[in-house]
Amino acid sequence: MILEISFNQNWNNKLKNKAFTTCRLANPNKYVLGRKYKIKLKGEILGFATCKGIRRFPINKVNEFISYLDTGYPPGAFVNMIKTMYKNKDINWNSQLLDYVLLEWDKEQKLDL
């Protein structure tokens, strides 16, 4: 079974690149090095990508490299965005880790986003 990674927005236009990142709540069962994922944007399948790397860290360690490359926003705005995305979950941000996942498109994907 191929797991899905869904995006509601193409932050920083990153999905047009050969490789892209996503920052999600840490989930070692879902985000696995070498695993293939179905990538969707607003419910539409764009293609398939393989996980090339994962970095796990607490939200207070977000830096400019992570925030600007992933979303195009500075760290403060990035942290606020993450907390807003998960506002309906009961999350202790003092202990919750994030996974910064590097993915590479497998063959072709939709580029007319």
C-alpha atoms as a PDB file:
ATOM      1  CA  MET A   1       0.000   0.000   0.000  1.00  0.00           C
ATOM      2  CA  ILE A   2       1.343   3.417  -0.972  1.00  0.00           C
ATOM      3  CA  LEU A   3       0.711   6.124   1.606  1.00  0.00           C
ATOM      4  CA  GLU A   4      -0.403   9.631   0.631  1.00  0.00           C
ATOM      5  CA  ILE A   5       1.038  13.006   1.462  1.00  0.00           C
ATOM      6  CA  SER A   6      -1.497  15.728   0.782  1.00  0.00           C
ATOM      7  CA  PHE A   7      -0.929  19.438   0.399  1.00  0.00           C
ATOM      8  CA  ASN A   8      -3.581  22.154   0.555  1.00  0.00           C
ATOM      9  CA  GLN A   9      -1.197  24.712  -0.892  1.00  0.00           C
ATOM     10  CA  ASN A  10       1.984  24.614  -2.954  1.00  0.00           C
ATOM     11  CA  TRP A  11       4.059  26.627  -0.474  1.00  0.00           C
ATOM     12  CA  ASN A  12       7.072  28.362  -2.024  1.00  0.00           C
ATOM     13  CA  ASN A  13       6.099  26.673  -5.322  1.00  0.00           C
ATOM     14  CA  LYS A  14       8.162  23.722  -4.071  1.00  0.00           C
ATOM     15  CA  LEU A  15       6.156  20.992  -5.805  1.00  0.00           C
ATOM     16  CA  LYS A  16       7.499  22.163  -9.190  1.00  0.00           C
ATOM     17  CA  ASN A  17      11.031  21.150  -8.215  1.00  0.00           C
ATOM     18  CA  LYS A  18      12.691  17.788  -8.775  1.00  0.00           C
ATOM     19  CA  ALA A  19      12.907  17.435  -4.997  1.00  0.00           C
ATOM     20  CA  PHE A  20      10.855  19.123  -2.279  1.00  0.00           C
ATOM     21  CA  THR A  21      10.282  19.123   1.461  1.00  0.00           C
ATOM     22  CA  THR A  22       7.379  18.909   3.830  1.00  0.00           C
ATOM     23  CA  CYS A  23       7.248  19.496   7.562  1.00  0.00           C
ATOM     24  CA  ARG A  24       4.753  17.348   9.451  1.00  0.00           C
ATOM     25  CA  LEU A  25       4.121  16.017  12.950  1.00  0.00           C
ATOM     26  CA  ALA A  26       6.731  13.346  13.628  1.00  0.00           C
ATOM     27  CA  ASN A  27       5.479   9.924  12.598  1.00  0.00           C
ATOM     28  CA  PRO A  28       8.169   7.238  12.286  1.00  0.00           C
ATOM     29  CA  ASN A  29       5.563   4.772  11.015  1.00  0.00           C
ATOM     30  CA  LYS A  30       4.570   6.998   8.103  1.00  0.00           C
ATOM     31  CA  TYR A  31       7.735   8.861   7.130  1.00  0.00           C
ATOM     32  CA  VAL A  32      10.347   6.244   6.263  1.00  0.00           C
ATOM     33  CA  LEU A  33      13.559   6.606   4.276  1.00  0.00           C
ATOM     34  CA  GLY A  34      13.150   4.979   0.845  1.00  0.00           C
ATOM     35  CA  ARG A  35       9.342   4.737   1.034  1.00  0.00           C
ATOM     36  CA  LYS A  36       7.264   5.824  -1.970  1.00  0.00           C
ATOM     37  CA  TYR A  37       4.295   8.191  -1.494  1.00  0.00           C
ATOM     38  CA  LYS A  38       1.379   9.350  -3.616  1.00  0.00           C
ATOM     39  CA  ILE A  39       1.523  13.162  -3.653  1.00  0.00           C
ATOM     40  CA  LYS A  40      -1.715  15.135  -3.843  1.00  0.00           C
ATOM     41  CA  LEU A  41      -2.428  18.851  -4.072  1.00  0.00           C
ATOM     42  CA  LYS A  42      -5.974  19.966  -3.212  1.00  0.00           C
ATOM     43  CA  GLY A  43      -7.166  16.384  -3.750  1.00  0.00           C
ATOM     44  CA  GLU A  44      -5.558  15.977  -7.181  1.00  0.00           C
ATOM     45  CA  ILE A  45      -2.847  13.360  -7.654  1.00  0.00           C
ATOM     46  CA  LEU A  46       0.365  14.983  -8.900  1.00  0.00           C
ATOM     47  CA  GLY A  47       2.511  11.860  -8.998  1.00  0.00           C
ATOM     48  CA  PHE A  48       4.714   9.694  -6.811  1.00  0.00           C
ATOM     49  CA  ALA A  49       7.784  10.626  -4.792  1.00  0.00           C
ATOM     50  CA  THR A  50      10.332   8.738  -2.702  1.00  0.00           C
ATOM     51  CA  CYS A  51      11.594   9.815   0.714  1.00  0.00           C
ATOM     52  CA  LYS A  52      15.295  10.706   0.477  1.00  0.00           C
ATOM     53  CA  GLY A  53      15.799  12.024   4.008  1.00  0.00           C
ATOM     54  CA  ILE A  54      14.151  12.841   7.321  1.00  0.00           C
ATOM     55  CA  ARG A  55      15.241  15.237  10.045  1.00  0.00           C
ATOM     56  CA  ARG A  56      13.363  15.187  13.350  1.00  0.00           C
ATOM     57  CA  PHE A  57      13.397  18.212  15.652  1.00  0.00           C
ATOM     58  CA  PRO A  58      11.291  20.197  18.140  1.00  0.00           C
ATOM     59  CA  ILE A  59       9.383  23.215  16.858  1.00  0.00           C
ATOM     60  CA  ASN A  60      11.611  25.626  18.796  1.00  0.00           C
ATOM     61  CA  LYS A  61      14.547  24.511  16.604  1.00  0.00           C
ATOM     62  CA  VAL A  62      13.004  25.718  13.323  1.00  0.00           C
ATOM     63  CA  ASN A  63      15.617  27.781  11.511  1.00  0.00           C
ATOM     64  CA  GLU A  64      15.677  29.972   8.403  1.00  0.00           C
ATOM     65  CA  PHE A  65      16.807  27.131   6.122  1.00  0.00           C
ATOM     66  CA  ILE A  66      13.803  25.000   7.063  1.00  0.00           C
ATOM     67  CA  SER A  67      11.211  27.772   7.110  1.00  0.00           C
ATOM     68  CA  TYR A  68      12.230  29.610   3.938  1.00  0.00           C
ATOM     69  CA  LEU A  69      12.828  26.506   1.813  1.00  0.00           C
ATOM     70  CA  ASP A  70       9.637  24.789   2.916  1.00  0.00           C
ATOM     71  CA  THR A  71       7.217  27.732   2.859  1.00  0.00           C
ATOM     72  CA  GLY A  72       9.021  30.917   1.833  1.00  0.00           C
ATOM     73  CA  TYR A  73       8.308  32.458   5.254  1.00  0.00           C
ATOM     74  CA  PRO A  74      10.566  33.383   8.189  1.00  0.00           C
ATOM     75  CA  PRO A  75      10.752  31.041  11.212  1.00  0.00           C
ATOM     76  CA  GLY A  76       8.182  32.892  13.355  1.00  0.00           C
ATOM     77  CA  ALA A  77       5.538  32.820  10.635  1.00  0.00           C
ATOM     78  CA  PHE A  78       6.403  29.193   9.859  1.00  0.00           C
ATOM     79  CA  VAL A  79       5.902  28.157  13.505  1.00  0.00           C
ATOM     80  CA  ASN A  80       2.573  30.016  13.639  1.00  0.00           C
ATOM     81  CA  MET A  81       1.499  28.282  10.415  1.00  0.00           C
ATOM     82  CA  ILE A  82       2.364  24.823  11.786  1.00  0.00           C
ATOM     83  CA  LYS A  83       0.518  25.500  15.040  1.00  0.00           C
ATOM     84  CA  THR A  84      -2.516  26.761  13.096  1.00  0.00           C
ATOM     85  CA  MET A  85      -2.507  23.675  10.853  1.00  0.00           C
ATOM     86  CA  TYR A  86      -2.707  21.417  13.902  1.00  0.00           C
ATOM     87  CA  LYS A  87      -4.850  23.663  16.133  1.00  0.00           C
ATOM     88  CA  ASN A  88      -7.618  21.055  16.424  1.00  0.00           C
ATOM     89  CA  LYS A  89      -5.241  18.451  17.859  1.00  0.00           C
ATOM     90  CA  ASP A  90      -4.286  18.389  21.512  1.00  0.00           C
ATOM     91  CA  ILE A  91      -0.547  18.951  21.048  1.00  0.00           C
ATOM     92  CA  ASN A  92       2.036  19.739  23.685  1.00  0.00           C
ATOM     93  CA  TRP A  93       4.465  21.807  21.618  1.00  0.00           C
ATOM     94  CA  ASN A  94       7.091  21.514  24.367  1.00  0.00           C
ATOM     95  CA  SER A  95       7.483  17.800  23.605  1.00  0.00           C
ATOM     96  CA  GLN A  96       6.020  17.296  20.104  1.00  0.00           C
ATOM     97  CA  LEU A  97       8.608  16.623  17.406  1.00  0.00           C
ATOM     98  CA  LEU A  98       8.346  17.502  13.722  1.00  0.00           C
ATOM     99  CA  ASP A  99       9.584  15.524  10.736  1.00  0.00           C
ATOM    100  CA  TYR A 100      11.214  17.543   7.962  1.00  0.00           C
ATOM    101  CA  VAL A 101      10.895  15.166   5.029  1.00  0.00           C
ATOM    102  CA  LEU A 102      12.889  15.403   1.799  1.00  0.00           C
ATOM    103  CA  LEU A 103      11.150  13.840  -1.201  1.00  0.00           C
ATOM    104  CA  GLU A 104      12.211  13.321  -4.802  1.00  0.00           C
ATOM    105  CA  TRP A 105       9.728  12.907  -7.622  1.00  0.00           C
ATOM    106  CA  ASP A 106       9.689   9.489  -9.302  1.00  0.00           C
ATOM    107  CA  LYS A 107       9.770  10.077 -13.054  1.00  0.00           C
ATOM    108  CA  GLU A 108       7.187  12.605 -14.185  1.00  0.00           C
ATOM    109  CA  GLN A 109       4.760  14.694 -12.189  1.00  0.00           C
ATOM    110  CA  LYS A 110       2.277  17.395 -13.061  1.00  0.00           C
ATOM    111  CA  LEU A 111       4.124  20.656 -13.441  1.00  0.00           C
ATOM    112  CA  ASP A 112       1.233  22.917 -14.467  1.00  0.00           C
ATOM    113  CA  LEU A 113       0.300  23.746 -10.871  1.00  0.00           C
END
